[in-house]
PDB file of N, CA and C in Angstrom:
ATOM      1  N   UNK A   1     -97.347  29.788 139.780  1.00  0.00           N
ATOM      2  CA  UNK A   1     -95.926  29.726 139.527  1.00  0.00           C
ATOM      3  C   UNK A   1     -95.194  29.962 140.836  1.00  0.00           C
ATOM      4  N   UNK A   2     -94.178  29.155 141.067  1.00  0.00           N
ATOM      5  CA  UNK A   2     -93.381  29.301 142.273  1.00  0.00           C
ATOM      6  C   UNK A   2     -92.337  30.383 142.066  1.00  0.00           C
ATOM      7  N   UNK A   3     -91.736  30.825 143.164  1.00  0.00           N
ATOM      8  CA  UNK A   3     -90.673  31.818 143.067  1.00  0.00           C
ATOM      9  C   UNK A   3     -89.516  31.237 142.276  1.00  0.00           C
ATOM     10  N   UNK A   4     -88.963  32.024 141.359  1.00  0.00           N
ATOM     11  CA  UNK A   4     -87.887  31.519 140.510  1.00  0.00           C
ATOM     12  C   UNK A   4     -86.644  31.160 141.303  1.00  0.00           C
ATOM     13  N   UNK A   5     -86.466  31.722 142.487  1.00  0.00           N
ATOM     14  CA  UNK A   5     -85.293  31.395 143.294  1.00  0.00           C
ATOM     15  C   UNK A   5     -85.341  29.960 143.813  1.00  0.00           C
ATOM     16  N   UNK A   6     -86.505  29.305 143.738  1.00  0.00           N
ATOM     17  CA  UNK A   6     -86.630  27.931 144.203  1.00  0.00           C
ATOM     18  C   UNK A   6     -86.098  26.939 143.172  1.00  0.00           C
ATOM     19  N   UNK A   7     -85.818  27.393 141.966  1.00  0.00           N
ATOM     20  CA  UNK A   7     -85.372  26.520 140.900  1.00  0.00           C
ATOM     21  C   UNK A   7     -83.872  26.627 140.699  1.00  0.00           C
ATOM     22  N   UNK A   8     -83.279  25.524 140.264  1.00  0.00           N
ATOM     23  CA  UNK A   8     -81.891  25.566 139.835  1.00  0.00           C
ATOM     24  C   UNK A   8     -81.861  26.215 138.459  1.00  0.00           C
ATOM     25  N   UNK A   9     -80.671  26.433 137.928  1.00  0.00           N
ATOM     26  CA  UNK A   9     -80.572  27.064 136.606  1.00  0.00           C
ATOM     27  C   UNK A   9     -81.148  26.167 135.521  1.00  0.00           C
ATOM     28  N   UNK A  10     -80.958  24.862 135.646  1.00  0.00           N
ATOM     29  CA  UNK A  10     -81.484  23.916 134.665  1.00  0.00           C
ATOM     30  C   UNK A  10     -82.727  23.249 135.230  1.00  0.00           C
ATOM     31  N   UNK A  11     -83.826  23.360 134.499  1.00  0.00           N
ATOM     32  CA  UNK A  11     -85.109  22.828 134.953  1.00  0.00           C
ATOM     33  C   UNK A  11     -85.432  21.532 134.230  1.00  0.00           C
ATOM     34  N   UNK A  12     -85.984  20.576 134.960  1.00  0.00           N
ATOM     35  CA  UNK A  12     -86.467  19.369 134.299  1.00  0.00           C
ATOM     36  C   UNK A  12     -87.870  19.644 133.751  1.00  0.00           C
ATOM     37  N   UNK A  13     -88.469  18.649 133.144  1.00  0.00           N
ATOM     38  CA  UNK A  13     -89.780  18.802 132.504  1.00  0.00           C
ATOM     39  C   UNK A  13     -90.841  19.307 133.487  1.00  0.00           C
ATOM     40  N   UNK A  14     -90.909  18.704 134.655  1.00  0.00           N
ATOM     41  CA  UNK A  14     -91.926  19.078 135.636  1.00  0.00           C
ATOM     42  C   UNK A  14     -91.693  20.495 136.165  1.00  0.00           C
ATOM     43  N   UNK A  15     -90.440  20.838 136.436  1.00  0.00           N
ATOM     44  CA  UNK A  15     -90.122  22.182 136.923  1.00  0.00           C
ATOM     45  C   UNK A  15     -90.412  23.230 135.856  1.00  0.00           C
ATOM     46  N   UNK A  16     -90.082  22.924 134.606  1.00  0.00           N
ATOM     47  CA  UNK A  16     -90.336  23.866 133.513  1.00  0.00           C
ATOM     48  C   UNK A  16     -91.837  24.105 133.352  1.00  0.00           C
ATOM     49  N   UNK A  17     -92.622  23.043 133.424  1.00  0.00           N
ATOM     50  CA  UNK A  17     -94.076  23.181 133.317  1.00  0.00           C
ATOM     51  C   UNK A  17     -94.615  24.021 134.470  1.00  0.00           C
ATOM     52  N   UNK A  18     -94.146  23.756 135.671  1.00  0.00           N
ATOM     53  CA  UNK A  18     -94.586  24.516 136.838  1.00  0.00           C
ATOM     54  C   UNK A  18     -94.170  25.985 136.722  1.00  0.00           C
ATOM     55  N   UNK A  19     -92.965  26.228 136.259  1.00  0.00           N
ATOM     56  CA  UNK A  19     -92.468  27.595 136.073  1.00  0.00           C
ATOM     57  C   UNK A  19     -93.371  28.377 135.118  1.00  0.00           C
ATOM     58  N   UNK A  20     -93.867  27.694 134.076  1.00  0.00           N
ATOM     59  CA  UNK A  20     -94.740  28.336 133.093  1.00  0.00           C
ATOM     60  C   UNK A  20     -96.203  28.351 133.523  1.00  0.00           C
ATOM     61  N   UNK A  21     -96.522  27.641 134.591  1.00  0.00           N
ATOM     62  CA  UNK A  21     -97.895  27.618 135.086  1.00  0.00           C
ATOM     63  C   UNK A  21     -98.809  26.707 134.290  1.00  0.00           C
ATOM     64  N   UNK A  22     -98.248  25.666 133.687  1.00  0.00           N
ATOM     65  CA  UNK A  22     -99.045  24.714 132.915  1.00  0.00           C
ATOM     66  C   UNK A  22     -98.750  23.304 133.422  1.00  0.00           C
ATOM     67  N   UNK A  23     -99.590  22.352 133.012  1.00  0.00           N
ATOM     68  CA  UNK A  23     -99.348  20.980 133.450  1.00  0.00           C
ATOM     69  C   UNK A  23     -98.302  20.330 132.536  1.00  0.00           C
ATOM     70  N   UNK A  24     -97.614  19.295 133.018  1.00  0.00           N
ATOM     71  CA  UNK A  24     -96.555  18.653 132.237  1.00  0.00           C
ATOM     72  C   UNK A  24     -97.008  18.113 130.878  1.00  0.00           C
ATOM     73  N   UNK A  25     -98.238  17.625 130.772  1.00  0.00           N
ATOM     74  CA  UNK A  25     -98.722  17.122 129.478  1.00  0.00           C
ATOM     75  C   UNK A  25     -98.849  18.252 128.462  1.00  0.00           C
ATOM     76  N   UNK A  26     -99.299  19.419 128.900  1.00  0.00           N
ATOM     77  CA  UNK A  26     -99.367  20.575 127.999  1.00  0.00           C
ATOM     78  C   UNK A  26     -97.970  21.031 127.611  1.00  0.00           C
ATOM     79  N   UNK A  27     -97.040  20.969 128.562  1.00  0.00           N
ATOM     80  CA  UNK A  27     -95.652  21.320 128.258  1.00  0.00           C
ATOM     81  C   UNK A  27     -95.108  20.399 127.169  1.00  0.00           C
ATOM     82  N   UNK A  28     -95.391  19.113 127.283  1.00  0.00           N
ATOM     83  CA  UNK A  28     -94.941  18.161 126.260  1.00  0.00           C
ATOM     84  C   UNK A  28     -95.544  18.498 124.901  1.00  0.00           C
ATOM     85  N   UNK A  29     -96.815  18.778 124.874  1.00  0.00           N
ATOM     86  CA  UNK A  29     -97.530  19.003 123.613  1.00  0.00           C
ATOM     87  C   UNK A  29     -97.122  20.302 122.932  1.00  0.00           C
ATOM     88  N   UNK A  30     -97.016  21.384 123.691  1.00  0.00           N
ATOM     89  CA  UNK A  30     -96.799  22.695 123.087  1.00  0.00           C
ATOM     90  C   UNK A  30     -95.352  23.175 123.127  1.00  0.00           C
ATOM     91  N   UNK A  31     -94.541  22.633 123.987  1.00  0.00           N
ATOM     92  CA  UNK A  31     -93.159  23.102 124.119  1.00  0.00           C
ATOM     93  C   UNK A  31     -92.156  22.043 123.670  1.00  0.00           C
ATOM     94  N   UNK A  32     -92.136  20.910 124.325  1.00  0.00           N
ATOM     95  CA  UNK A  32     -91.129  19.885 124.015  1.00  0.00           C
ATOM     96  C   UNK A  32     -91.258  19.355 122.599  1.00  0.00           C
ATOM     97  N   UNK A  33     -92.448  19.345 122.042  1.00  0.00           N
ATOM     98  CA  UNK A  33     -92.650  18.830 120.688  1.00  0.00           C
ATOM     99  C   UNK A  33     -92.058  19.755 119.622  1.00  0.00           C
ATOM    100  N   UNK A  34     -91.762  20.982 119.983  1.00  0.00           N
ATOM    101  CA  UNK A  34     -91.223  21.966 119.038  1.00  0.00           C
ATOM    102  C   UNK A  34     -89.698  21.980 119.139  1.00  0.00           C
ATOM    103  N   UNK A  35     -89.037  21.671 118.040  1.00  0.00           N
ATOM    104  CA  UNK A  35     -87.568  21.614 118.030  1.00  0.00           C
ATOM    105  C   UNK A  35     -86.914  22.977 118.224  1.00  0.00           C
ATOM    106  N   UNK A  36     -87.679  24.050 118.121  1.00  0.00           N
ATOM    107  CA  UNK A  36     -87.102  25.389 118.306  1.00  0.00           C
ATOM    108  C   UNK A  36     -86.858  25.727 119.770  1.00  0.00           C
ATOM    109  N   UNK A  37     -87.422  24.949 120.684  1.00  0.00           N
ATOM    110  CA  UNK A  37     -87.149  25.158 122.107  1.00  0.00           C
ATOM    111  C   UNK A  37     -85.766  24.615 122.416  1.00  0.00           C
ATOM    112  N   UNK A  38     -84.886  25.503 122.840  1.00  0.00           N
ATOM    113  CA  UNK A  38     -83.522  25.082 123.149  1.00  0.00           C
ATOM    114  C   UNK A  38     -83.516  24.295 124.448  1.00  0.00           C
ATOM    115  N   UNK A  39     -82.742  23.237 124.453  1.00  0.00           N
ATOM    116  CA  UNK A  39     -82.648  22.368 125.622  1.00  0.00           C
ATOM    117  C   UNK A  39     -81.211  21.922 125.809  1.00  0.00           C
ATOM    118  N   UNK A  40     -80.903  21.527 127.001  1.00  0.00           N
ATOM    119  CA  UNK A  40     -79.577  21.049 127.363  1.00  0.00           C
ATOM    120  C   UNK A  40     -79.725  19.586 127.725  1.00  0.00           C
ATOM    121  N   UNK A  41     -78.913  18.739 127.121  1.00  0.00           N
ATOM    122  CA  UNK A  41     -79.010  17.307 127.386  1.00  0.00           C
ATOM    123  C   UNK A  41     -77.943  16.874 128.385  1.00  0.00           C
ATOM    124  N   UNK A  42     -78.367  16.156 129.408  1.00  0.00           N
ATOM    125  CA  UNK A  42     -77.459  15.522 130.363  1.00  0.00           C
ATOM    126  C   UNK A  42     -77.707  14.028 130.190  1.00  0.00           C
ATOM    127  N   UNK A  43     -76.859  13.395 129.414  1.00  0.00           N
ATOM    128  CA  UNK A  43     -77.125  12.011 129.039  1.00  0.00           C
ATOM    129  C   UNK A  43     -78.367  11.984 128.168  1.00  0.00           C
ATOM    130  N   UNK A  44     -79.377  11.247 128.595  1.00  0.00           N
ATOM    131  CA  UNK A  44     -80.645  11.186 127.862  1.00  0.00           C
ATOM    132  C   UNK A  44     -81.703  12.109 128.457  1.00  0.00           C
ATOM    133  N   UNK A  45     -81.327  12.853 129.491  1.00  0.00           N
ATOM    134  CA  UNK A  45     -82.299  13.709 130.182  1.00  0.00           C
ATOM    135  C   UNK A  45     -82.228  15.142 129.664  1.00  0.00           C
ATOM    136  N   UNK A  46     -83.395  15.703 129.373  1.00  0.00           N
ATOM    137  CA  UNK A  46     -83.488  17.086 128.909  1.00  0.00           C
ATOM    138  C   UNK A  46     -83.540  18.038 130.098  1.00  0.00           C
ATOM    139  N   UNK A  47     -82.898  19.182 129.939  1.00  0.00           N
ATOM    140  CA  UNK A  47     -82.984  20.265 130.915  1.00  0.00           C
ATOM    141  C   UNK A  47     -83.212  21.553 130.145  1.00  0.00           C
ATOM    142  N   UNK A  48     -83.948  22.461 130.757  1.00  0.00           N
ATOM    143  CA  UNK A  48     -84.326  23.716 130.121  1.00  0.00           C
ATOM    144  C   UNK A  48     -83.911  24.871 131.021  1.00  0.00           C
ATOM    145  N   UNK A  49     -83.503  25.979 130.417  1.00  0.00           N
ATOM    146  CA  UNK A  49     -83.201  27.169 131.205  1.00  0.00           C
ATOM    147  C   UNK A  49     -84.427  28.071 131.207  1.00  0.00           C
ATOM    148  N   UNK A  50     -84.552  28.866 132.245  1.00  0.00           N
ATOM    149  CA  UNK A  50     -85.667  29.816 132.311  1.00  0.00           C
ATOM    150  C   UNK A  50     -85.605  30.785 131.146  1.00  0.00           C
ATOM    151  N   UNK A  51     -84.402  31.238 130.800  1.00  0.00           N
ATOM    152  CA  UNK A  51     -84.273  32.206 129.702  1.00  0.00           C
ATOM    153  C   UNK A  51     -84.680  31.582 128.367  1.00  0.00           C
ATOM    154  N   UNK A  52     -84.346  30.309 128.135  1.00  0.00           N
ATOM    155  CA  UNK A  52     -84.756  29.642 126.894  1.00  0.00           C
ATOM    156  C   UNK A  52     -86.275  29.496 126.840  1.00  0.00           C
ATOM    157  N   UNK A  53     -86.884  29.186 127.972  1.00  0.00           N
ATOM    158  CA  UNK A  53     -88.347  29.074 128.014  1.00  0.00           C
ATOM    159  C   UNK A  53     -89.007  30.412 127.716  1.00  0.00           C
ATOM    160  N   UNK A  54     -88.504  31.477 128.325  1.00  0.00           N
ATOM    161  CA  UNK A  54     -89.107  32.796 128.114  1.00  0.00           C
ATOM    162  C   UNK A  54     -88.858  33.297 126.692  1.00  0.00           C
ATOM    163  N   UNK A  55     -87.690  33.011 126.123  1.00  0.00           N
ATOM    164  CA  UNK A  55     -87.424  33.372 124.723  1.00  0.00           C
ATOM    165  C   UNK A  55     -88.394  32.655 123.797  1.00  0.00           C
ATOM    166  N   UNK A  56     -88.621  31.377 124.054  1.00  0.00           N
ATOM    167  CA  UNK A  56     -89.537  30.591 123.237  1.00  0.00           C
ATOM    168  C   UNK A  56     -90.951  31.159 123.317  1.00  0.00           C
ATOM    169  N   UNK A  57     -91.382  31.494 124.513  1.00  0.00           N
ATOM    170  CA  UNK A  57     -92.721  32.063 124.699  1.00  0.00           C
ATOM    171  C   UNK A  57     -92.836  33.394 123.960  1.00  0.00           C
ATOM    172  N   UNK A  58     -91.840  34.254 124.089  1.00  0.00           N
ATOM    173  CA  UNK A  58     -91.920  35.574 123.452  1.00  0.00           C
ATOM    174  C   UNK A  58     -91.931  35.462 121.929  1.00  0.00           C
ATOM    175  N   UNK A  59     -91.270  34.465 121.372  1.00  0.00           N
ATOM    176  CA  UNK A  59     -91.262  34.277 119.917  1.00  0.00           C
ATOM    177  C   UNK A  59     -92.578  33.708 119.411  1.00  0.00           C
ATOM    178  N   UNK A  60     -93.341  33.070 120.281  1.00  0.00           N
ATOM    179  CA  UNK A  60     -94.613  32.465 119.892  1.00  0.00           C
ATOM    180  C   UNK A  60     -95.804  33.413 120.068  1.00  0.00           C
ATOM    181  N   UNK A  61     -95.555  34.616 120.587  1.00  0.00           N
ATOM    182  CA  UNK A  61     -96.653  35.567 120.773  1.00  0.00           C
ATOM    183  C   UNK A  61     -97.268  35.931 119.432  1.00  0.00           C
ATOM    184  N   UNK A  62     -98.583  36.074 119.414  1.00  0.00           N
ATOM    185  CA  UNK A  62     -99.265  36.457 118.173  1.00  0.00           C
ATOM    186  C   UNK A  62     -99.845  37.844 118.286  1.00  0.00           C
TER     187      UNK A  62
END
């Protein structure tokens, strides 16, 4: 995982996957496929916040 200061507030798919330490295909399968992950739309492009990603992860803990 890269330093969080290297990211803007809104992360694209690749940045979000890198932030979580997973590959983009896994991000698509386990994160983007779940409608409970909050996202921000800019036109047709999805953007994710670090806080939304971490909230989603914490809610999925077993």
